């Protein structure tokens, strides 16, 4: 079995299933687990690693999608050389990976078309189901079921711990800062499971652009910056830039020092096994009084 993964989350799922040795190619963004990072990269993106400010990335994404329809390039020649039996991709978001339609069309053009597995989660339950969806064609269904059971157990553990909380703080999880976007898909659900209430995001719905006026009217008790695809160190710099915005400084959560920046690249925006790590992290942020563990550094 030879597997090409076009998604960081799919690569993590394959590794968590004990099948990392079947990976023969990965995307330019795959960076976990470390043992998989030396494989051939079959996709590329013009601004990957450029470190541009949020507002410039947003403008480039909008312009490129409008003009080309895709942000990424698939190295078709390399994929043909790798002769995959399975290609793992997604149809959820054109900003996240090579478009599903182009991958499916390319796969059908190959001499021996591989199975194209589409991962399209919009909830925590969907993410768990995707673990099984990957495991079955890899012959790892039993391992997938065991992993899902273990992850469900951890989710129940969070629910049990926060069930005794005295309140449910309004927790705004932001996926982008300039322009501001609220959390989408599974992230509002994570807020609820962590013992909070998301005043703007809607579970199962995509992240959407919001106004500072809308954020101010929601009056969150707590703001968590989980910037999509952005590691924490860089996200901290983005947060510092917000200090120049009057709209940001007017927010009660900002004035009272209740803003937390997390790693939105490794967690929250990756619908794989570490989404439960994200939930546990979030619960400790929303209800620090219930957790003795250190806050994320």
C-alpha atoms as a PDB file:
ATOM      1  CA  UNK A   1       0.000   0.000   0.000  1.00  0.00           C
ATOM      2  CA  UNK A   2       1.479   3.320  -1.134  1.00  0.00           C
ATOM      3  CA  UNK A   3      -0.128   6.497   0.182  1.00  0.00           C
ATOM      4  CA  UNK A   4       0.195  10.132  -0.851  1.00  0.00           C
ATOM      5  CA  UNK A   5      -1.199  12.639   1.632  1.00  0.00           C
ATOM      6  CA  UNK A   6      -2.124  16.138   0.486  1.00  0.00           C
ATOM      7  CA  UNK A   7      -3.149  17.234   3.985  1.00  0.00           C
ATOM      8  CA  UNK A   8      -1.182  17.702   7.222  1.00  0.00           C
ATOM      9  CA  UNK A   9      -4.127  16.280   9.174  1.00  0.00           C
ATOM     10  CA  UNK A  10      -4.279  13.201   6.947  1.00  0.00           C
ATOM     11  CA  UNK A  11      -0.562  12.611   7.404  1.00  0.00           C
ATOM     12  CA  UNK A  12      -1.074  12.746  11.170  1.00  0.00           C
ATOM     13  CA  UNK A  13      -3.972  10.298  10.954  1.00  0.00           C
ATOM     14  CA  UNK A  14      -1.917   7.818   8.913  1.00  0.00           C
ATOM     15  CA  UNK A  15       0.916   8.019  11.425  1.00  0.00           C
ATOM     16  CA  UNK A  16      -1.453   7.658  14.395  1.00  0.00           C
ATOM     17  CA  UNK A  17      -2.782   4.475  12.790  1.00  0.00           C
ATOM     18  CA  UNK A  18       0.725   3.014  12.719  1.00  0.00           C
ATOM     19  CA  UNK A  19       0.920   3.260   8.936  1.00  0.00           C
ATOM     20  CA  UNK A  20       3.532   5.979   8.494  1.00  0.00           C
ATOM     21  CA  UNK A  21       5.740   3.542   6.595  1.00  0.00           C
ATOM     22  CA  UNK A  22       3.127   3.471   3.811  1.00  0.00           C
ATOM     23  CA  UNK A  23       3.444   7.176   3.100  1.00  0.00           C
ATOM     24  CA  UNK A  24       5.433   7.871  -0.059  1.00  0.00           C
ATOM     25  CA  UNK A  25       4.577  11.563  -0.569  1.00  0.00           C
ATOM     26  CA  UNK A  26       3.239  14.457   1.484  1.00  0.00           C
ATOM     27  CA  UNK A  27       2.162  18.071   1.058  1.00  0.00           C
ATOM     28  CA  UNK A  28       4.444  21.082   1.477  1.00  0.00           C
ATOM     29  CA  UNK A  29       2.706  21.839   4.809  1.00  0.00           C
ATOM     30  CA  UNK A  30       3.044  18.423   6.450  1.00  0.00           C
ATOM     31  CA  UNK A  31       5.315  18.812   9.482  1.00  0.00           C
ATOM     32  CA  UNK A  32       4.146  16.169  11.975  1.00  0.00           C
ATOM     33  CA  UNK A  33       5.138  13.630  13.045  1.00  0.00           C
ATOM     34  CA  UNK A  34       8.840  14.391  12.569  1.00  0.00           C
ATOM     35  CA  UNK A  35       9.503  10.971  11.069  1.00  0.00           C
ATOM     36  CA  UNK A  36       7.345  11.745   8.042  1.00  0.00           C
ATOM     37  CA  UNK A  37       8.864  15.094   7.141  1.00  0.00           C
ATOM     38  CA  UNK A  38      11.661  13.704   4.970  1.00  0.00           C
ATOM     39  CA  UNK A  39       9.304  12.343   2.327  1.00  0.00           C
ATOM     40  CA  UNK A  40       8.925  13.892  -1.148  1.00  0.00           C
ATOM     41  CA  UNK A  41       6.738  17.015  -1.198  1.00  0.00           C
ATOM     42  CA  UNK A  42       4.119  16.783  -3.921  1.00  0.00           C
ATOM     43  CA  UNK A  43       2.499  20.212  -3.541  1.00  0.00           C
ATOM     44  CA  UNK A  44       3.762  23.769  -3.335  1.00  0.00           C
ATOM     45  CA  UNK A  45       2.424  27.241  -2.641  1.00  0.00           C
ATOM     46  CA  UNK A  46       3.976  30.521  -3.745  1.00  0.00           C
ATOM     47  CA  UNK A  47       3.799  32.243  -0.372  1.00  0.00           C
ATOM     48  CA  UNK A  48       4.453  29.252   1.880  1.00  0.00           C
ATOM     49  CA  UNK A  49       6.998  30.299   4.470  1.00  0.00           C
ATOM     50  CA  UNK A  50       7.019  33.923   3.339  1.00  0.00           C
ATOM     51  CA  UNK A  51       5.883  35.168   6.754  1.00  0.00           C
ATOM     52  CA  UNK A  52       3.635  37.896   5.346  1.00  0.00           C
ATOM     53  CA  UNK A  53       1.304  39.862   7.647  1.00  0.00           C
ATOM     54  CA  UNK A  54      -2.273  38.593   7.946  1.00  0.00           C
ATOM     55  CA  UNK A  55      -3.750  41.362   5.823  1.00  0.00           C
ATOM     56  CA  UNK A  56      -1.357  40.634   2.935  1.00  0.00           C
ATOM     57  CA  UNK A  57      -2.020  36.897   3.107  1.00  0.00           C
ATOM     58  CA  UNK A  58      -5.767  37.523   3.023  1.00  0.00           C
ATOM     59  CA  UNK A  59      -5.439  39.796  -0.023  1.00  0.00           C
ATOM     60  CA  UNK A  60      -3.225  37.282  -1.858  1.00  0.00           C
ATOM     61  CA  UNK A  61      -5.615  34.418  -1.113  1.00  0.00           C
ATOM     62  CA  UNK A  62      -8.632  36.324  -2.410  1.00  0.00           C
ATOM     63  CA  UNK A  63      -6.889  37.515  -5.555  1.00  0.00           C
ATOM     64  CA  UNK A  64      -5.320  34.145  -6.354  1.00  0.00           C
ATOM     65  CA  UNK A  65      -8.556  32.206  -5.850  1.00  0.00           C
ATOM     66  CA  UNK A  66     -10.397  34.687  -8.070  1.00  0.00           C
ATOM     67  CA  UNK A  67      -7.795  34.507 -10.838  1.00  0.00           C
ATOM     68  CA  UNK A  68      -6.665  30.863 -10.701  1.00  0.00           C
ATOM     69  CA  UNK A  69      -9.211  28.980  -8.598  1.00  0.00           C
ATOM     70  CA  UNK A  70      -6.479  27.347  -6.497  1.00  0.00           C
ATOM     71  CA  UNK A  71      -3.667  28.450  -4.209  1.00  0.00           C
ATOM     72  CA  UNK A  72      -1.602  25.308  -4.654  1.00  0.00           C
ATOM     73  CA  UNK A  73       0.200  23.383  -7.363  1.00  0.00           C
ATOM     74  CA  UNK A  74       0.283  19.599  -7.504  1.00  0.00           C
ATOM     75  CA  UNK A  75       3.486  18.073  -8.867  1.00  0.00           C
ATOM     76  CA  UNK A  76       1.724  15.598 -11.128  1.00  0.00           C
ATOM     77  CA  UNK A  77       4.909  14.153 -12.585  1.00  0.00           C
ATOM     78  CA  UNK A  78       6.231  13.344  -9.125  1.00  0.00           C
ATOM     79  CA  UNK A  79       2.945  11.771  -8.050  1.00  0.00           C
ATOM     80  CA  UNK A  80       2.997   9.540 -11.137  1.00  0.00           C
ATOM     81  CA  UNK A  81       6.528   8.440 -10.227  1.00  0.00           C
ATOM     82  CA  UNK A  82       5.404   7.640  -6.661  1.00  0.00           C
ATOM     83  CA  UNK A  83       2.635   5.328  -7.970  1.00  0.00           C
ATOM     84  CA  UNK A  84       0.244   5.745  -5.034  1.00  0.00           C
ATOM     85  CA  UNK A  85      -2.550   3.293  -4.337  1.00  0.00           C
ATOM     86  CA  UNK A  86      -4.339   5.903  -2.222  1.00  0.00           C
ATOM     87  CA  UNK A  87      -4.404   9.712  -2.322  1.00  0.00           C
ATOM     88  CA  UNK A  88      -5.771  11.493   0.740  1.00  0.00           C
ATOM     89  CA  UNK A  89      -7.266  14.900   0.022  1.00  0.00           C
ATOM     90  CA  UNK A  90     -10.180  17.153   0.957  1.00  0.00           C
ATOM     91  CA  UNK A  91     -13.107  19.099  -0.456  1.00  0.00           C
ATOM     92  CA  UNK A  92     -13.744  21.231   2.623  1.00  0.00           C
ATOM     93  CA  UNK A  93     -11.793  24.396   1.927  1.00  0.00           C
ATOM     94  CA  UNK A  94     -10.014  25.759  -1.165  1.00  0.00           C
ATOM     95  CA  UNK A  95      -7.679  27.704   1.135  1.00  0.00           C
ATOM     96  CA  UNK A  96      -6.427  24.533   2.838  1.00  0.00           C
ATOM     97  CA  UNK A  97      -5.210  22.274   0.017  1.00  0.00           C
ATOM     98  CA  UNK A  98      -5.262  21.477  -3.690  1.00  0.00           C
ATOM     99  CA  UNK A  99      -8.856  21.519  -4.916  1.00  0.00           C
ATOM    100  CA  UNK A 100     -10.576  18.142  -4.780  1.00  0.00           C
ATOM    101  CA  UNK A 101     -11.829  18.327  -8.371  1.00  0.00           C
ATOM    102  CA  UNK A 102      -8.344  18.768  -9.795  1.00  0.00           C
ATOM    103  CA  UNK A 103      -6.975  15.910  -7.678  1.00  0.00           C
ATOM    104  CA  UNK A 104      -9.793  13.563  -8.720  1.00  0.00           C
ATOM    105  CA  UNK A 105      -9.391  14.446 -12.399  1.00  0.00           C
ATOM    106  CA  UNK A 106      -5.645  13.900 -12.242  1.00  0.00           C
ATOM    107  CA  UNK A 107      -6.041  10.566 -10.449  1.00  0.00           C
ATOM    108  CA  UNK A 108      -8.412   9.347 -13.163  1.00  0.00           C
ATOM    109  CA  UNK A 109      -5.798  10.186 -15.784  1.00  0.00           C
ATOM    110  CA  UNK A 110      -3.198   7.892 -14.247  1.00  0.00           C
ATOM    111  CA  UNK A 111      -2.433   4.532 -15.839  1.00  0.00           C
ATOM    112  CA  UNK A 112      -3.535   2.804 -12.629  1.00  0.00           C
ATOM    113  CA  UNK A 113      -5.902   5.265 -10.936  1.00  0.00           C
ATOM    114  CA  UNK A 114      -5.445   5.377  -7.165  1.00  0.00           C
ATOM    115  CA  UNK A 115      -8.309   5.506  -4.688  1.00  0.00           C
ATOM    116  CA  UNK A 116      -8.972   9.163  -3.833  1.00  0.00           C
ATOM    117  CA  UNK A 117     -10.217   9.521  -0.253  1.00  0.00           C
ATOM    118  CA  UNK A 118     -12.025  12.784   0.447  1.00  0.00           C
ATOM    119  CA  UNK A 119     -11.902  14.122   4.006  1.00  0.00           C
ATOM    120  CA  UNK A 120     -14.506  16.826   4.586  1.00  0.00           C
ATOM    121  CA  UNK A 121     -15.132  17.245   8.320  1.00  0.00           C
ATOM    122  CA  UNK A 122     -17.266  20.020   9.780  1.00  0.00           C
ATOM    123  CA  UNK A 123     -17.566  18.700  13.341  1.00  0.00           C
ATOM    124  CA  UNK A 124     -15.638  16.751  15.938  1.00  0.00           C
ATOM    125  CA  UNK A 125     -17.688  13.676  15.089  1.00  0.00           C
ATOM    126  CA  UNK A 126     -16.736  14.066  11.423  1.00  0.00           C
ATOM    127  CA  UNK A 127     -13.060  14.230  12.357  1.00  0.00           C
ATOM    128  CA  UNK A 128     -13.332  10.977  14.285  1.00  0.00           C
ATOM    129  CA  UNK A 129     -15.193   9.402  11.367  1.00  0.00           C
ATOM    130  CA  UNK A 130     -12.373  10.474   9.042  1.00  0.00           C
ATOM    131  CA  UNK A 131      -9.942   8.421  11.109  1.00  0.00           C
ATOM    132  CA  UNK A 132     -11.965   5.352  10.194  1.00  0.00           C
ATOM    133  CA  UNK A 133     -12.326   6.584   6.605  1.00  0.00           C
ATOM    134  CA  UNK A 134      -8.537   6.611   6.309  1.00  0.00           C
ATOM    135  CA  UNK A 135      -8.033   3.391   8.248  1.00  0.00           C
ATOM    136  CA  UNK A 136     -10.300   1.162   6.163  1.00  0.00           C
ATOM    137  CA  UNK A 137      -8.455   1.378   2.801  1.00  0.00           C
ATOM    138  CA  UNK A 138      -5.135   1.081   4.648  1.00  0.00           C
ATOM    139  CA  UNK A 139      -6.262  -2.161   6.292  1.00  0.00           C
ATOM    140  CA  UNK A 140      -6.115  -0.501   9.713  1.00  0.00           C
ATOM    141  CA  UNK A 141      -9.801  -0.433  10.635  1.00  0.00           C
ATOM    142  CA  UNK A 142      -9.237  -2.183  13.971  1.00  0.00           C
ATOM    143  CA  UNK A 143      -6.529   0.299  14.927  1.00  0.00           C
ATOM    144  CA  UNK A 144      -8.772   3.164  13.781  1.00  0.00           C
ATOM    145  CA  UNK A 145     -11.622   1.995  15.991  1.00  0.00           C
ATOM    146  CA  UNK A 146      -9.293   1.730  18.985  1.00  0.00           C
ATOM    147  CA  UNK A 147      -7.932   5.226  18.377  1.00  0.00           C
ATOM    148  CA  UNK A 148     -11.434   6.665  18.058  1.00  0.00           C
ATOM    149  CA  UNK A 149     -12.474   5.023  21.337  1.00  0.00           C
ATOM    150  CA  UNK A 150      -9.442   6.483  23.094  1.00  0.00           C
ATOM    151  CA  UNK A 151     -10.123   9.960  21.730  1.00  0.00           C
ATOM    152  CA  UNK A 152     -13.797   9.745  22.708  1.00  0.00           C
ATOM    153  CA  UNK A 153     -12.704   8.825  26.213  1.00  0.00           C
ATOM    154  CA  UNK A 154     -10.590  11.963  26.456  1.00  0.00           C
ATOM    155  CA  UNK A 155     -13.496  14.093  25.186  1.00  0.00           C
ATOM    156  CA  UNK A 156     -15.718  12.604  27.881  1.00  0.00           C
ATOM    157  CA  UNK A 157     -13.021  13.394  30.416  1.00  0.00           C
ATOM    158  CA  UNK A 158     -13.119  17.070  29.454  1.00  0.00           C
ATOM    159  CA  UNK A 159     -16.919  17.104  29.595  1.00  0.00           C
ATOM    160  CA  UNK A 160     -16.874  15.566  33.079  1.00  0.00           C
ATOM    161  CA  UNK A 161     -14.348  18.069  34.374  1.00  0.00           C
ATOM    162  CA  UNK A 162     -16.102  21.205  33.074  1.00  0.00           C
ATOM    163  CA  UNK A 163     -19.564  19.989  34.047  1.00  0.00           C
ATOM    164  CA  UNK A 164     -19.011  21.361  37.541  1.00  0.00           C
ATOM    165  CA  UNK A 165     -18.022  24.844  36.349  1.00  0.00           C
ATOM    166  CA  UNK A 166     -19.893  27.713  37.971  1.00  0.00           C
ATOM    167  CA  UNK A 167     -20.266  29.600  34.675  1.00  0.00           C
ATOM    168  CA  UNK A 168     -19.910  29.302  30.906  1.00  0.00           C
ATOM    169  CA  UNK A 169     -17.755  32.241  29.781  1.00  0.00           C
ATOM    170  CA  UNK A 170     -18.371  33.811  26.372  1.00  0.00           C
ATOM    171  CA  UNK A 171     -15.252  32.666  24.536  1.00  0.00           C
ATOM    172  CA  UNK A 172     -14.551  34.117  21.106  1.00  0.00           C
ATOM    173  CA  UNK A 173     -12.168  31.893  19.154  1.00  0.00           C
ATOM    174  CA  UNK A 174     -10.664  33.863  16.268  1.00  0.00           C
ATOM    175  CA  UNK A 175      -9.144  32.159  13.232  1.00  0.00           C
ATOM    176  CA  UNK A 176      -7.734  35.361  11.691  1.00  0.00           C
ATOM    177  CA  UNK A 177      -7.070  38.906  12.854  1.00  0.00           C
ATOM    178  CA  UNK A 178      -6.693  41.174   9.814  1.00  0.00           C
ATOM    179  CA  UNK A 179      -9.411  41.076   8.676  1.00  0.00           C
ATOM    180  CA  UNK A 180     -11.029  39.381  11.689  1.00  0.00           C
ATOM    181  CA  UNK A 181     -12.597  35.940  11.217  1.00  0.00           C
ATOM    182  CA  UNK A 182     -14.489  33.992  13.860  1.00  0.00           C
ATOM    183  CA  UNK A 183     -13.923  30.280  14.397  1.00  0.00           C
ATOM    184  CA  UNK A 184     -15.761  27.887  12.134  1.00  0.00           C
ATOM    185  CA  UNK A 185     -16.640  24.237  11.538  1.00  0.00           C
ATOM    186  CA  UNK A 186     -15.616  22.252  14.656  1.00  0.00           C
ATOM    187  CA  UNK A 187     -14.090  25.149  16.622  1.00  0.00           C
ATOM    188  CA  UNK A 188     -17.356  26.603  18.038  1.00  0.00           C
ATOM    189  CA  UNK A 189     -18.176  23.045  19.126  1.00  0.00           C
ATOM    190  CA  UNK A 190     -14.822  22.810  20.903  1.00  0.00           C
ATOM    191  CA  UNK A 191     -15.666  26.007  22.789  1.00  0.00           C
ATOM    192  CA  UNK A 192     -18.957  24.500  23.938  1.00  0.00           C
ATOM    193  CA  UNK A 193     -17.334  21.208  24.945  1.00  0.00           C
ATOM    194  CA  UNK A 194     -14.668  23.147  26.836  1.00  0.00           C
ATOM    195  CA  UNK A 195     -17.341  24.738  29.004  1.00  0.00           C
ATOM    196  CA  UNK A 196     -17.716  28.045  27.195  1.00  0.00           C
ATOM    197  CA  UNK A 197     -20.135  29.716  24.814  1.00  0.00           C
ATOM    198  CA  UNK A 198     -19.068  31.028  21.427  1.00  0.00           C
ATOM    199  CA  UNK A 199     -20.995  34.301  20.915  1.00  0.00           C
ATOM    200  CA  UNK A 200     -20.298  34.578  17.175  1.00  0.00           C
ATOM    201  CA  UNK A 201     -19.100  31.302  15.623  1.00  0.00           C
ATOM    202  CA  UNK A 202     -21.637  28.693  14.545  1.00  0.00           C
ATOM    203  CA  UNK A 203     -20.890  24.990  14.890  1.00  0.00           C
ATOM    204  CA  UNK A 204     -20.669  23.190  11.568  1.00  0.00           C
ATOM    205  CA  UNK A 205     -20.502  26.426   9.566  1.00  0.00           C
ATOM    206  CA  UNK A 206     -17.366  27.792   7.881  1.00  0.00           C
ATOM    207  CA  UNK A 207     -15.291  30.476   9.495  1.00  0.00           C
ATOM    208  CA  UNK A 208     -16.510  33.869   8.331  1.00  0.00           C
ATOM    209  CA  UNK A 209     -15.319  37.435   8.250  1.00  0.00           C
ATOM    210  CA  UNK A 210     -16.777  39.549  11.052  1.00  0.00           C
ATOM    211  CA  UNK A 211     -16.602  43.226  11.956  1.00  0.00           C
ATOM    212  CA  UNK A 212     -15.055  44.732  15.056  1.00  0.00           C
ATOM    213  CA  UNK A 213     -18.476  46.173  15.803  1.00  0.00           C
ATOM    214  CA  UNK A 214     -19.936  42.667  15.800  1.00  0.00           C
ATOM    215  CA  UNK A 215     -17.192  41.468  18.124  1.00  0.00           C
ATOM    216  CA  UNK A 216     -17.740  44.424  20.424  1.00  0.00           C
ATOM    217  CA  UNK A 217     -21.493  43.787  20.561  1.00  0.00           C
ATOM    218  CA  UNK A 218     -20.836  40.137  21.468  1.00  0.00           C
ATOM    219  CA  UNK A 219     -18.742  41.360  24.427  1.00  0.00           C
ATOM    220  CA  UNK A 220     -16.688  38.166  24.908  1.00  0.00           C
ATOM    221  CA  UNK A 221     -15.330  37.381  28.358  1.00  0.00           C
ATOM    222  CA  UNK A 222     -12.310  35.729  26.753  1.00  0.00           C
ATOM    223  CA  UNK A 223     -10.633  35.811  23.344  1.00  0.00           C
ATOM    224  CA  UNK A 224      -8.570  32.898  22.053  1.00  0.00           C
ATOM    225  CA  UNK A 225      -6.448  33.604  18.992  1.00  0.00           C
ATOM    226  CA  UNK A 226      -6.013  30.333  17.099  1.00  0.00           C
ATOM    227  CA  UNK A 227      -4.906  31.726  13.757  1.00  0.00           C
ATOM    228  CA  UNK A 228      -5.403  29.197  10.983  1.00  0.00           C
ATOM    229  CA  UNK A 229      -2.096  27.666   9.924  1.00  0.00           C
ATOM    230  CA  UNK A 230      -0.075  30.126  12.016  1.00  0.00           C
ATOM    231  CA  UNK A 231       2.327  28.899  14.748  1.00  0.00           C
ATOM    232  CA  UNK A 232       2.050  30.549  18.148  1.00  0.00           C
ATOM    233  CA  UNK A 233       5.277  32.584  18.006  1.00  0.00           C
ATOM    234  CA  UNK A 234       4.155  34.281  14.809  1.00  0.00           C
ATOM    235  CA  UNK A 235       0.600  34.650  16.102  1.00  0.00           C
ATOM    236  CA  UNK A 236       1.961  36.542  19.105  1.00  0.00           C
ATOM    237  CA  UNK A 237       3.448  39.094  16.686  1.00  0.00           C
ATOM    238  CA  UNK A 238       0.062  39.403  14.978  1.00  0.00           C
ATOM    239  CA  UNK A 239      -1.503  40.031  18.378  1.00  0.00           C
ATOM    240  CA  UNK A 240       1.011  42.782  19.100  1.00  0.00           C
ATOM    241  CA  UNK A 241      -0.043  44.484  15.858  1.00  0.00           C
ATOM    242  CA  UNK A 242      -3.635  44.540  17.101  1.00  0.00           C
ATOM    243  CA  UNK A 243      -2.585  46.847  19.920  1.00  0.00           C
ATOM    244  CA  UNK A 244      -2.612  49.731  17.439  1.00  0.00           C
ATOM    245  CA  UNK A 245      -6.307  49.231  16.653  1.00  0.00           C
ATOM    246  CA  UNK A 246      -8.797  51.218  18.706  1.00  0.00           C
ATOM    247  CA  UNK A 247     -11.513  48.640  18.010  1.00  0.00           C
ATOM    248  CA  UNK A 248      -9.327  45.970  19.592  1.00  0.00           C
ATOM    249  CA  UNK A 249      -8.433  48.040  22.633  1.00  0.00           C
ATOM    250  CA  UNK A 250     -12.091  48.820  23.312  1.00  0.00           C
ATOM    251  CA  UNK A 251     -12.912  45.138  23.883  1.00  0.00           C
ATOM    252  CA  UNK A 252     -13.486  44.278  27.534  1.00  0.00           C
ATOM    253  CA  UNK A 253     -11.542  41.003  27.236  1.00  0.00           C
ATOM    254  CA  UNK A 254      -8.546  42.970  25.933  1.00  0.00           C
ATOM    255  CA  UNK A 255      -8.758  45.650  28.638  1.00  0.00           C
ATOM    256  CA  UNK A 256      -8.986  43.011  31.348  1.00  0.00           C
ATOM    257  CA  UNK A 257      -6.107  40.922  29.959  1.00  0.00           C
ATOM    258  CA  UNK A 258      -8.166  37.897  28.971  1.00  0.00           C
ATOM    259  CA  UNK A 259      -6.601  37.188  25.579  1.00  0.00           C
ATOM    260  CA  UNK A 260      -4.749  33.922  24.952  1.00  0.00           C
ATOM    261  CA  UNK A 261      -2.724  33.092  21.847  1.00  0.00           C
ATOM    262  CA  UNK A 262      -2.297  29.435  20.886  1.00  0.00           C
ATOM    263  CA  UNK A 263      -0.647  27.453  18.095  1.00  0.00           C
ATOM    264  CA  UNK A 264      -3.249  27.458  15.317  1.00  0.00           C
ATOM    265  CA  UNK A 265      -0.994  25.500  13.005  1.00  0.00           C
ATOM    266  CA  UNK A 266      -0.482  22.389  15.113  1.00  0.00           C
ATOM    267  CA  UNK A 267      -3.894  22.601  16.785  1.00  0.00           C
ATOM    268  CA  UNK A 268      -7.444  23.825  16.159  1.00  0.00           C
ATOM    269  CA  UNK A 269      -7.128  24.145  12.357  1.00  0.00           C
ATOM    270  CA  UNK A 270      -5.916  20.547  11.853  1.00  0.00           C
ATOM    271  CA  UNK A 271      -8.805  18.057  11.870  1.00  0.00           C
ATOM    272  CA  UNK A 272      -6.811  15.056  13.021  1.00  0.00           C
ATOM    273  CA  UNK A 273      -6.063  13.257  16.301  1.00  0.00           C
ATOM    274  CA  UNK A 274      -4.576  16.379  17.877  1.00  0.00           C
ATOM    275  CA  UNK A 275      -7.977  18.079  17.728  1.00  0.00           C
ATOM    276  CA  UNK A 276      -8.629  16.455  21.107  1.00  0.00           C
ATOM    277  CA  UNK A 277      -5.386  17.993  22.391  1.00  0.00           C
ATOM    278  CA  UNK A 278      -6.885  21.287  21.188  1.00  0.00           C
ATOM    279  CA  UNK A 279     -10.041  20.636  23.194  1.00  0.00           C
ATOM    280  CA  UNK A 280      -8.068  19.853  26.349  1.00  0.00           C
ATOM    281  CA  UNK A 281      -5.971  22.976  25.874  1.00  0.00           C
ATOM    282  CA  UNK A 282      -9.075  25.089  25.355  1.00  0.00           C
ATOM    283  CA  UNK A 283     -10.816  23.711  28.438  1.00  0.00           C
ATOM    284  CA  UNK A 284      -7.798  24.703  30.555  1.00  0.00           C
ATOM    285  CA  UNK A 285      -7.975  28.211  29.057  1.00  0.00           C
ATOM    286  CA  UNK A 286     -11.724  28.643  29.535  1.00  0.00           C
ATOM    287  CA  UNK A 287     -11.749  27.121  33.023  1.00  0.00           C
ATOM    288  CA  UNK A 288      -8.263  27.503  34.536  1.00  0.00           C
ATOM    289  CA  UNK A 289      -9.806  27.063  37.975  1.00  0.00           C
ATOM    290  CA  UNK A 290     -10.572  23.440  37.075  1.00  0.00           C
ATOM    291  CA  UNK A 291      -7.117  22.635  35.699  1.00  0.00           C
ATOM    292  CA  UNK A 292      -3.820  22.468  37.516  1.00  0.00           C
ATOM    293  CA  UNK A 293      -1.817  21.937  34.318  1.00  0.00           C
ATOM    294  CA  UNK A 294       0.258  24.870  33.092  1.00  0.00           C
ATOM    295  CA  UNK A 295      -1.267  27.097  30.437  1.00  0.00           C
ATOM    296  CA  UNK A 296       0.275  26.799  26.940  1.00  0.00           C
ATOM    297  CA  UNK A 297       3.560  28.627  26.637  1.00  0.00           C
END
